[in-house]
């Protein structure tokens, strides 16, 4: 059993499965008779918790360092899944950012401000171009090929083939991509307004 400030999680509880199913059915009946939306939402969350299962992931390795590294990978994967549950997924491999860059149109007041759009588009294309370069493909050619792609189709850099990225499992949590872009813009804005900065090379 794990008890936190806001929740209690019971693992390997002794409750009978039939009784749990009966309780879920009773709560469903309460929802159908309930007129309060807030109460109905809480009851639905209760059903979700009762119907959900618990997965235990055991991490083992030859050395302590390897085990810690594996543990961190699993924690990152779990956080990515939670983010995907909150805001959904998008085609991965930098494809979404590349498409955003190609379709981004902004009207600026002067030429100096318009220059920033070119820099921003180049930054959005960078993850896709870097992955293309790392996989041995020509970034310029692959970027041109992507201009004709629609939907979730793109390049799987592992195989170098054109595939439906979502169907192939090449996906990113939308929340992670959005937050990364938001934080990058925030940092860039802070640097533009700073007279001096120290960079560790």
C-alpha atoms as a PDB file:
ATOM      1  CA  UNK A   1       0.000   0.000   0.000  1.00  0.00           C
ATOM      2  CA  UNK A   2       1.232   3.488  -0.878  1.00  0.00           C
ATOM      3  CA  UNK A   3      -0.316   6.515   0.796  1.00  0.00           C
ATOM      4  CA  UNK A   4       0.370  10.065  -0.373  1.00  0.00           C
ATOM      5  CA  UNK A   5      -1.166  13.424   0.501  1.00  0.00           C
ATOM      6  CA  UNK A   6      -3.895  13.132  -2.135  1.00  0.00           C
ATOM      7  CA  UNK A   7      -4.229   9.417  -2.902  1.00  0.00           C
ATOM      8  CA  UNK A   8      -3.984   5.888  -1.527  1.00  0.00           C
ATOM      9  CA  UNK A   9      -2.891   3.034  -3.792  1.00  0.00           C
ATOM     10  CA  UNK A  10      -3.568  -0.571  -2.766  1.00  0.00           C
ATOM     11  CA  UNK A  11      -1.501  -3.287  -4.472  1.00  0.00           C
ATOM     12  CA  UNK A  12      -2.640  -6.949  -4.278  1.00  0.00           C
ATOM     13  CA  UNK A  13      -5.732  -6.080  -2.244  1.00  0.00           C
ATOM     14  CA  UNK A  14      -7.804  -8.909  -0.764  1.00  0.00           C
ATOM     15  CA  UNK A  15     -11.094  -7.681  -2.239  1.00  0.00           C
ATOM     16  CA  UNK A  16     -13.176 -10.099  -4.312  1.00  0.00           C
ATOM     17  CA  UNK A  17     -13.411  -9.220  -8.005  1.00  0.00           C
ATOM     18  CA  UNK A  18     -17.158  -9.784  -8.029  1.00  0.00           C
ATOM     19  CA  UNK A  19     -17.726  -7.321  -5.185  1.00  0.00           C
ATOM     20  CA  UNK A  20     -15.638  -4.692  -6.966  1.00  0.00           C
ATOM     21  CA  UNK A  21     -17.735  -5.167 -10.124  1.00  0.00           C
ATOM     22  CA  UNK A  22     -20.938  -4.808  -8.078  1.00  0.00           C
ATOM     23  CA  UNK A  23     -19.636  -1.603  -6.503  1.00  0.00           C
ATOM     24  CA  UNK A  24     -18.777  -0.198  -9.957  1.00  0.00           C
ATOM     25  CA  UNK A  25     -22.301  -1.009 -11.162  1.00  0.00           C
ATOM     26  CA  UNK A  26     -23.831   0.757  -8.145  1.00  0.00           C
ATOM     27  CA  UNK A  27     -21.756   3.875  -8.816  1.00  0.00           C
ATOM     28  CA  UNK A  28     -22.857   3.808 -12.483  1.00  0.00           C
ATOM     29  CA  UNK A  29     -26.473   3.783 -11.316  1.00  0.00           C
ATOM     30  CA  UNK A  30     -25.726   6.746  -9.036  1.00  0.00           C
ATOM     31  CA  UNK A  31     -24.255   8.654 -12.016  1.00  0.00           C
ATOM     32  CA  UNK A  32     -27.362   8.011 -14.125  1.00  0.00           C
ATOM     33  CA  UNK A  33     -29.553   9.443 -11.350  1.00  0.00           C
ATOM     34  CA  UNK A  34     -27.235  12.362 -10.528  1.00  0.00           C
ATOM     35  CA  UNK A  35     -28.006  15.902 -11.709  1.00  0.00           C
ATOM     36  CA  UNK A  36     -24.837  17.531 -10.333  1.00  0.00           C
ATOM     37  CA  UNK A  37     -22.077  17.533 -12.979  1.00  0.00           C
ATOM     38  CA  UNK A  38     -19.290  17.953 -10.407  1.00  0.00           C
ATOM     39  CA  UNK A  39     -20.542  14.982  -8.368  1.00  0.00           C
ATOM     40  CA  UNK A  40     -20.961  12.869 -11.514  1.00  0.00           C
ATOM     41  CA  UNK A  41     -17.359  13.650 -12.487  1.00  0.00           C
ATOM     42  CA  UNK A  42     -16.103  12.534  -9.052  1.00  0.00           C
ATOM     43  CA  UNK A  43     -18.124   9.333  -9.278  1.00  0.00           C
ATOM     44  CA  UNK A  44     -16.705   8.625 -12.752  1.00  0.00           C
ATOM     45  CA  UNK A  45     -13.182   9.097 -11.377  1.00  0.00           C
ATOM     46  CA  UNK A  46     -14.070   6.600  -8.628  1.00  0.00           C
ATOM     47  CA  UNK A  47     -15.124   4.051 -11.264  1.00  0.00           C
ATOM     48  CA  UNK A  48     -11.865   4.624 -13.132  1.00  0.00           C
ATOM     49  CA  UNK A  49      -9.827   3.969  -9.986  1.00  0.00           C
ATOM     50  CA  UNK A  50     -11.786   0.829  -9.088  1.00  0.00           C
ATOM     51  CA  UNK A  51     -11.539  -0.569 -12.626  1.00  0.00           C
ATOM     52  CA  UNK A  52      -7.861   0.293 -13.085  1.00  0.00           C
ATOM     53  CA  UNK A  53      -4.997  -2.098 -12.471  1.00  0.00           C
ATOM     54  CA  UNK A  54      -1.512  -1.701 -11.038  1.00  0.00           C
ATOM     55  CA  UNK A  55       1.673  -2.590 -12.929  1.00  0.00           C
ATOM     56  CA  UNK A  56       4.869  -3.343 -11.025  1.00  0.00           C
ATOM     57  CA  UNK A  57       8.092  -2.814 -12.985  1.00  0.00           C
ATOM     58  CA  UNK A  58      11.154  -4.498 -11.512  1.00  0.00           C
ATOM     59  CA  UNK A  59      14.488  -3.092 -12.675  1.00  0.00           C
ATOM     60  CA  UNK A  60      17.645  -5.164 -12.506  1.00  0.00           C
ATOM     61  CA  UNK A  61      21.161  -4.726 -13.856  1.00  0.00           C
ATOM     62  CA  UNK A  62      24.731  -5.957 -13.453  1.00  0.00           C
ATOM     63  CA  UNK A  63      25.975  -2.789 -11.784  1.00  0.00           C
ATOM     64  CA  UNK A  64      24.491  -0.031  -9.643  1.00  0.00           C
ATOM     65  CA  UNK A  65      25.247   2.615 -12.277  1.00  0.00           C
ATOM     66  CA  UNK A  66      23.490   0.611 -15.003  1.00  0.00           C
ATOM     67  CA  UNK A  67      20.483   0.020 -12.761  1.00  0.00           C
ATOM     68  CA  UNK A  68      20.122   3.745 -11.964  1.00  0.00           C
ATOM     69  CA  UNK A  69      20.359   4.585 -15.679  1.00  0.00           C
ATOM     70  CA  UNK A  70      17.650   2.007 -16.523  1.00  0.00           C
ATOM     71  CA  UNK A  71      15.461   3.280 -13.700  1.00  0.00           C
ATOM     72  CA  UNK A  72      15.711   6.844 -15.032  1.00  0.00           C
ATOM     73  CA  UNK A  73      14.755   5.654 -18.530  1.00  0.00           C
ATOM     74  CA  UNK A  74      11.659   3.904 -17.187  1.00  0.00           C
ATOM     75  CA  UNK A  75      10.673   6.974 -15.141  1.00  0.00           C
ATOM     76  CA  UNK A  76      11.043   9.163 -18.258  1.00  0.00           C
ATOM     77  CA  UNK A  77       8.897   6.722 -20.245  1.00  0.00           C
ATOM     78  CA  UNK A  78       6.176   6.763 -17.571  1.00  0.00           C
ATOM     79  CA  UNK A  79       6.167  10.567 -17.502  1.00  0.00           C
ATOM     80  CA  UNK A  80       5.869  10.597 -21.303  1.00  0.00           C
ATOM     81  CA  UNK A  81       2.846   8.267 -21.094  1.00  0.00           C
ATOM     82  CA  UNK A  82       1.202  10.513 -18.475  1.00  0.00           C
ATOM     83  CA  UNK A  83       1.779  13.550 -20.711  1.00  0.00           C
ATOM     84  CA  UNK A  84       0.318  11.683 -23.696  1.00  0.00           C
ATOM     85  CA  UNK A  85      -2.794  10.825 -21.663  1.00  0.00           C
ATOM     86  CA  UNK A  86      -3.298  14.500 -20.828  1.00  0.00           C
ATOM     87  CA  UNK A  87      -2.928  16.121 -24.271  1.00  0.00           C
ATOM     88  CA  UNK A  88      -2.607  13.268 -26.756  1.00  0.00           C
ATOM     89  CA  UNK A  89       0.215  12.405 -29.168  1.00  0.00           C
ATOM     90  CA  UNK A  90       1.639  13.853 -32.376  1.00  0.00           C
ATOM     91  CA  UNK A  91       3.771  12.317 -35.174  1.00  0.00           C
ATOM     92  CA  UNK A  92       7.351  12.095 -33.890  1.00  0.00           C
ATOM     93  CA  UNK A  93      10.768  12.453 -35.436  1.00  0.00           C
ATOM     94  CA  UNK A  94      10.535  16.259 -35.542  1.00  0.00           C
ATOM     95  CA  UNK A  95       7.835  15.981 -38.226  1.00  0.00           C
ATOM     96  CA  UNK A  96       5.227  18.083 -36.425  1.00  0.00           C
ATOM     97  CA  UNK A  97       7.638  20.955 -35.744  1.00  0.00           C
ATOM     98  CA  UNK A  98       8.800  20.851 -39.372  1.00  0.00           C
ATOM     99  CA  UNK A  99       5.204  21.158 -40.603  1.00  0.00           C
ATOM    100  CA  UNK A 100       4.484  23.978 -38.172  1.00  0.00           C
ATOM    101  CA  UNK A 101       7.520  25.843 -39.533  1.00  0.00           C
ATOM    102  CA  UNK A 102       6.400  25.428 -43.166  1.00  0.00           C
ATOM    103  CA  UNK A 103       2.863  26.672 -42.433  1.00  0.00           C
ATOM    104  CA  UNK A 104       3.726  29.503 -40.059  1.00  0.00           C
ATOM    105  CA  UNK A 105       2.662  32.886 -41.425  1.00  0.00           C
ATOM    106  CA  UNK A 106       2.932  36.039 -39.273  1.00  0.00           C
ATOM    107  CA  UNK A 107       2.583  39.690 -40.283  1.00  0.00           C
ATOM    108  CA  UNK A 108       5.181  41.903 -38.624  1.00  0.00           C
ATOM    109  CA  UNK A 109       5.341  45.679 -38.371  1.00  0.00           C
ATOM    110  CA  UNK A 110       8.905  46.020 -39.650  1.00  0.00           C
ATOM    111  CA  UNK A 111      11.687  44.093 -41.375  1.00  0.00           C
ATOM    112  CA  UNK A 112      13.710  43.640 -38.182  1.00  0.00           C
ATOM    113  CA  UNK A 113      10.838  41.771 -36.543  1.00  0.00           C
ATOM    114  CA  UNK A 114      10.278  39.727 -39.710  1.00  0.00           C
ATOM    115  CA  UNK A 115      13.881  38.468 -39.480  1.00  0.00           C
ATOM    116  CA  UNK A 116      13.010  36.771 -36.199  1.00  0.00           C
ATOM    117  CA  UNK A 117      10.445  34.568 -37.996  1.00  0.00           C
ATOM    118  CA  UNK A 118      13.174  33.127 -40.229  1.00  0.00           C
ATOM    119  CA  UNK A 119      15.293  32.323 -37.171  1.00  0.00           C
ATOM    120  CA  UNK A 120      12.296  30.772 -35.414  1.00  0.00           C
ATOM    121  CA  UNK A 121      11.428  28.595 -38.439  1.00  0.00           C
ATOM    122  CA  UNK A 122      15.042  27.426 -38.674  1.00  0.00           C
ATOM    123  CA  UNK A 123      14.933  26.463 -34.990  1.00  0.00           C
ATOM    124  CA  UNK A 124      11.712  24.489 -35.519  1.00  0.00           C
ATOM    125  CA  UNK A 125      13.318  22.574 -38.400  1.00  0.00           C
ATOM    126  CA  UNK A 126      16.482  21.777 -36.408  1.00  0.00           C
ATOM    127  CA  UNK A 127      15.305  18.562 -34.636  1.00  0.00           C
ATOM    128  CA  UNK A 128      14.158  17.017 -37.954  1.00  0.00           C
ATOM    129  CA  UNK A 129      17.328  18.049 -39.803  1.00  0.00           C
ATOM    130  CA  UNK A 130      19.577  16.787 -36.973  1.00  0.00           C
ATOM    131  CA  UNK A 131      17.861  13.378 -36.935  1.00  0.00           C
ATOM    132  CA  UNK A 132      18.176  13.156 -40.717  1.00  0.00           C
ATOM    133  CA  UNK A 133      21.891  13.951 -40.474  1.00  0.00           C
ATOM    134  CA  UNK A 134      22.430  11.427 -37.664  1.00  0.00           C
ATOM    135  CA  UNK A 135      20.737   8.687 -39.713  1.00  0.00           C
ATOM    136  CA  UNK A 136      22.979   9.332 -42.730  1.00  0.00           C
ATOM    137  CA  UNK A 137      20.394  11.156 -44.863  1.00  0.00           C
ATOM    138  CA  UNK A 138      20.742  14.520 -46.563  1.00  0.00           C
ATOM    139  CA  UNK A 139      18.700  16.987 -44.448  1.00  0.00           C
ATOM    140  CA  UNK A 140      17.942  19.279 -47.414  1.00  0.00           C
ATOM    141  CA  UNK A 141      16.624  16.467 -49.622  1.00  0.00           C
ATOM    142  CA  UNK A 142      14.555  14.862 -46.850  1.00  0.00           C
ATOM    143  CA  UNK A 143      13.086  18.253 -45.874  1.00  0.00           C
ATOM    144  CA  UNK A 144      12.026  18.852 -49.505  1.00  0.00           C
ATOM    145  CA  UNK A 145      10.426  15.391 -49.645  1.00  0.00           C
ATOM    146  CA  UNK A 146       8.420  16.178 -46.523  1.00  0.00           C
ATOM    147  CA  UNK A 147       6.745  19.174 -48.212  1.00  0.00           C
ATOM    148  CA  UNK A 148       4.448  16.848 -50.166  1.00  0.00           C
ATOM    149  CA  UNK A 149       3.565  14.635 -47.179  1.00  0.00           C
ATOM    150  CA  UNK A 150       0.170  14.928 -45.505  1.00  0.00           C
ATOM    151  CA  UNK A 151      -1.437  13.585 -42.354  1.00  0.00           C
ATOM    152  CA  UNK A 152       0.809  11.555 -40.078  1.00  0.00           C
ATOM    153  CA  UNK A 153       3.081  10.290 -42.878  1.00  0.00           C
ATOM    154  CA  UNK A 154       6.797  11.004 -42.612  1.00  0.00           C
ATOM    155  CA  UNK A 155      10.270   9.482 -42.490  1.00  0.00           C
ATOM    156  CA  UNK A 156      11.125   6.720 -40.024  1.00  0.00           C
ATOM    157  CA  UNK A 157      14.797   7.553 -39.465  1.00  0.00           C
ATOM    158  CA  UNK A 158      15.481   4.085 -38.045  1.00  0.00           C
ATOM    159  CA  UNK A 159      14.681   2.433 -41.391  1.00  0.00           C
ATOM    160  CA  UNK A 160      14.845   5.482 -43.690  1.00  0.00           C
ATOM    161  CA  UNK A 161      11.419   4.588 -45.123  1.00  0.00           C
ATOM    162  CA  UNK A 162       8.266   6.646 -45.638  1.00  0.00           C
ATOM    163  CA  UNK A 163       5.667   5.387 -43.170  1.00  0.00           C
ATOM    164  CA  UNK A 164       2.578   6.392 -41.224  1.00  0.00           C
ATOM    165  CA  UNK A 165       4.453   7.546 -38.124  1.00  0.00           C
ATOM    166  CA  UNK A 166       1.522   7.134 -35.721  1.00  0.00           C
ATOM    167  CA  UNK A 167       0.799   3.595 -36.936  1.00  0.00           C
ATOM    168  CA  UNK A 168       4.522   2.733 -36.734  1.00  0.00           C
ATOM    169  CA  UNK A 169       4.712   4.003 -33.139  1.00  0.00           C
ATOM    170  CA  UNK A 170       6.960   6.972 -33.933  1.00  0.00           C
ATOM    171  CA  UNK A 171       5.116   9.442 -31.719  1.00  0.00           C
ATOM    172  CA  UNK A 172       5.775  12.218 -29.210  1.00  0.00           C
ATOM    173  CA  UNK A 173       3.524  13.426 -26.393  1.00  0.00           C
ATOM    174  CA  UNK A 174       1.959  16.726 -27.524  1.00  0.00           C
ATOM    175  CA  UNK A 175       2.465  18.227 -24.046  1.00  0.00           C
ATOM    176  CA  UNK A 176       6.211  17.479 -24.064  1.00  0.00           C
ATOM    177  CA  UNK A 177       6.683  19.111 -27.487  1.00  0.00           C
ATOM    178  CA  UNK A 178       4.567  22.123 -26.523  1.00  0.00           C
ATOM    179  CA  UNK A 179       6.388  22.677 -23.221  1.00  0.00           C
ATOM    180  CA  UNK A 180       9.818  22.241 -24.840  1.00  0.00           C
ATOM    181  CA  UNK A 181       8.971  24.868 -27.451  1.00  0.00           C
ATOM    182  CA  UNK A 182       7.493  27.214 -24.850  1.00  0.00           C
ATOM    183  CA  UNK A 183      10.576  26.915 -22.608  1.00  0.00           C
ATOM    184  CA  UNK A 184      12.950  27.391 -25.548  1.00  0.00           C
ATOM    185  CA  UNK A 185      11.175  30.612 -26.566  1.00  0.00           C
ATOM    186  CA  UNK A 186      11.294  31.805 -22.948  1.00  0.00           C
ATOM    187  CA  UNK A 187      15.058  31.191 -22.701  1.00  0.00           C
ATOM    188  CA  UNK A 188      15.683  32.846 -26.077  1.00  0.00           C
ATOM    189  CA  UNK A 189      13.671  35.873 -24.991  1.00  0.00           C
ATOM    190  CA  UNK A 190      15.658  36.159 -21.771  1.00  0.00           C
ATOM    191  CA  UNK A 191      18.959  35.980 -23.695  1.00  0.00           C
ATOM    192  CA  UNK A 192      17.837  38.689 -26.127  1.00  0.00           C
ATOM    193  CA  UNK A 193      17.158  41.043 -23.222  1.00  0.00           C
ATOM    194  CA  UNK A 194      20.456  40.270 -21.453  1.00  0.00           C
ATOM    195  CA  UNK A 195      23.577  42.345 -21.984  1.00  0.00           C
ATOM    196  CA  UNK A 196      26.015  39.558 -21.101  1.00  0.00           C
ATOM    197  CA  UNK A 197      25.785  35.804 -20.714  1.00  0.00           C
ATOM    198  CA  UNK A 198      28.228  33.065 -19.673  1.00  0.00           C
ATOM    199  CA  UNK A 199      28.195  29.939 -21.862  1.00  0.00           C
ATOM    200  CA  UNK A 200      29.917  26.719 -20.829  1.00  0.00           C
ATOM    201  CA  UNK A 201      31.572  25.143 -23.869  1.00  0.00           C
END
